Amino acid sequence: MPPDRLPVVTTIHLISLLAVNCAVLFKFVDEYHLYYNPHLVYSQGQVWRLVTSLLYHGHRKDFNLLVKLSL
């Protein structure tokens, strides 16, 4: 694999992160529909909450997380 390309799993993860965060930012999806709630997942079958809770990290008005991850 050439060193200038990202691995497939990393690419899919980054695209998913951007998609979920942009959907919340532009108010296509309410952030309360993304958090993990075992009652809603197992009794009402809302299985997307298993994945989206890992992809959405809440509103960040500052970029502290981004700076910490880049160091």
C-alpha atoms as a PDB file:
ATOM      1  CA  MET A   1       0.000   0.000   0.000  1.00  0.00           C
ATOM      2  CA  PRO A   2       1.406   3.417  -0.900  1.00  0.00           C
ATOM      3  CA  PRO A   3       2.191   5.600   2.123  1.00  0.00           C
ATOM      4  CA  ASP A   4       0.159   8.528   0.751  1.00  0.00           C
ATOM      5  CA  ARG A   5      -3.178   6.685   1.012  1.00  0.00           C
ATOM      6  CA  LEU A   6      -5.198   6.122   4.163  1.00  0.00           C
ATOM      7  CA  PRO A   7      -6.315   2.590   5.018  1.00  0.00           C
ATOM      8  CA  VAL A   8      -9.895   1.714   4.068  1.00  0.00           C
ATOM      9  CA  VAL A   9     -11.123   1.413   7.670  1.00  0.00           C
ATOM     10  CA  THR A  10      -9.658   4.810   8.583  1.00  0.00           C
ATOM     11  CA  THR A  11     -11.222   6.413   5.513  1.00  0.00           C
ATOM     12  CA  ILE A  12     -14.655   4.959   6.288  1.00  0.00           C
ATOM     13  CA  HIS A  13     -14.377   6.077   9.921  1.00  0.00           C
ATOM     14  CA  LEU A  14     -13.400   9.637   8.981  1.00  0.00           C
ATOM     15  CA  ILE A  15     -16.179   9.949   6.390  1.00  0.00           C
ATOM     16  CA  SER A  16     -18.704   8.607   8.911  1.00  0.00           C
ATOM     17  CA  LEU A  17     -17.511  11.063  11.583  1.00  0.00           C
ATOM     18  CA  LEU A  18     -17.840  13.967   9.182  1.00  0.00           C
ATOM     19  CA  ALA A  19     -21.253  12.855   7.936  1.00  0.00           C
ATOM     20  CA  VAL A  20     -22.762  12.463  11.409  1.00  0.00           C
ATOM     21  CA  ASN A  21     -21.285  15.716  12.715  1.00  0.00           C
ATOM     22  CA  CYS A  22     -22.382  17.678   9.631  1.00  0.00           C
ATOM     23  CA  ALA A  23     -25.885  16.225   9.915  1.00  0.00           C
ATOM     24  CA  VAL A  24     -26.119  17.516  13.487  1.00  0.00           C
ATOM     25  CA  LEU A  25     -24.446  20.830  12.652  1.00  0.00           C
ATOM     26  CA  PHE A  26     -26.885  21.569   9.819  1.00  0.00           C
ATOM     27  CA  LYS A  27     -29.791  20.303  11.954  1.00  0.00           C
ATOM     28  CA  PHE A  28     -30.771  17.374   9.726  1.00  0.00           C
ATOM     29  CA  VAL A  29     -30.626  15.183  12.834  1.00  0.00           C
ATOM     30  CA  ASP A  30     -31.171  16.103  16.460  1.00  0.00           C
ATOM     31  CA  GLU A  31     -28.222  15.110  18.647  1.00  0.00           C
ATOM     32  CA  TYR A  32     -30.588  13.441  21.129  1.00  0.00           C
ATOM     33  CA  HIS A  33     -31.405  10.836  18.479  1.00  0.00           C
ATOM     34  CA  LEU A  34     -27.777   9.697  18.436  1.00  0.00           C
ATOM     35  CA  TYR A  35     -26.857   8.952  22.047  1.00  0.00           C
ATOM     36  CA  TYR A  36     -26.725   5.414  23.420  1.00  0.00           C
ATOM     37  CA  ASN A  37     -29.738   4.420  25.492  1.00  0.00           C
ATOM     38  CA  PRO A  38     -29.984   0.670  26.230  1.00  0.00           C
ATOM     39  CA  HIS A  39     -33.765   0.827  26.692  1.00  0.00           C
ATOM     40  CA  LEU A  40     -34.279   2.362  23.247  1.00  0.00           C
ATOM     41  CA  VAL A  41     -31.764   0.034  21.573  1.00  0.00           C
ATOM     42  CA  TYR A  42     -33.005  -3.260  22.966  1.00  0.00           C
ATOM     43  CA  SER A  43     -36.718  -2.714  23.532  1.00  0.00           C
ATOM     44  CA  GLN A  44     -37.537  -0.437  20.592  1.00  0.00           C
ATOM     45  CA  GLY A  45     -34.951  -1.730  18.112  1.00  0.00           C
ATOM     46  CA  GLN A  46     -33.122   1.569  17.508  1.00  0.00           C
ATOM     47  CA  VAL A  47     -29.848  -0.159  16.656  1.00  0.00           C
ATOM     48  CA  TRP A  48     -28.305   2.865  14.893  1.00  0.00           C
ATOM     49  CA  ARG A  49     -27.657   4.287  18.360  1.00  0.00           C
ATOM     50  CA  LEU A  50     -24.924   1.665  18.835  1.00  0.00           C
ATOM     51  CA  VAL A  51     -22.915   3.132  15.946  1.00  0.00           C
ATOM     52  CA  THR A  52     -23.817   6.810  16.066  1.00  0.00           C
ATOM     53  CA  SER A  53     -22.940   7.111  19.745  1.00  0.00           C
ATOM     54  CA  LEU A  54     -19.364   6.230  18.764  1.00  0.00           C
ATOM     55  CA  LEU A  55     -19.308   8.729  15.893  1.00  0.00           C
ATOM     56  CA  TYR A  56     -20.772  11.824  17.524  1.00  0.00           C
ATOM     57  CA  HIS A  57     -18.850  13.484  20.349  1.00  0.00           C
ATOM     58  CA  GLY A  58     -21.097  16.453  21.056  1.00  0.00           C
ATOM     59  CA  HIS A  59     -20.860  20.097  20.141  1.00  0.00           C
ATOM     60  CA  ARG A  60     -17.384  21.489  20.471  1.00  0.00           C
ATOM     61  CA  LYS A  61     -17.126  25.239  20.261  1.00  0.00           C
ATOM     62  CA  ASP A  62     -13.376  25.005  20.680  1.00  0.00           C
ATOM     63  CA  PHE A  63     -10.897  22.689  19.053  1.00  0.00           C
ATOM     64  CA  ASN A  64      -9.212  21.262  22.151  1.00  0.00           C
ATOM     65  CA  LEU A  65      -9.974  17.675  21.157  1.00  0.00           C
ATOM     66  CA  LEU A  66      -8.636  18.240  17.641  1.00  0.00           C
ATOM     67  CA  VAL A  67      -5.435  19.785  18.991  1.00  0.00           C
ATOM     68  CA  LYS A  68      -4.944  16.945  21.479  1.00  0.00           C
ATOM     69  CA  LEU A  69      -5.473  14.327  18.784  1.00  0.00           C
ATOM     70  CA  SER A  70      -3.049  16.006  16.405  1.00  0.00           C
ATOM     71  CA  LEU A  71      -0.163  16.097  18.918  1.00  0.00           C
END
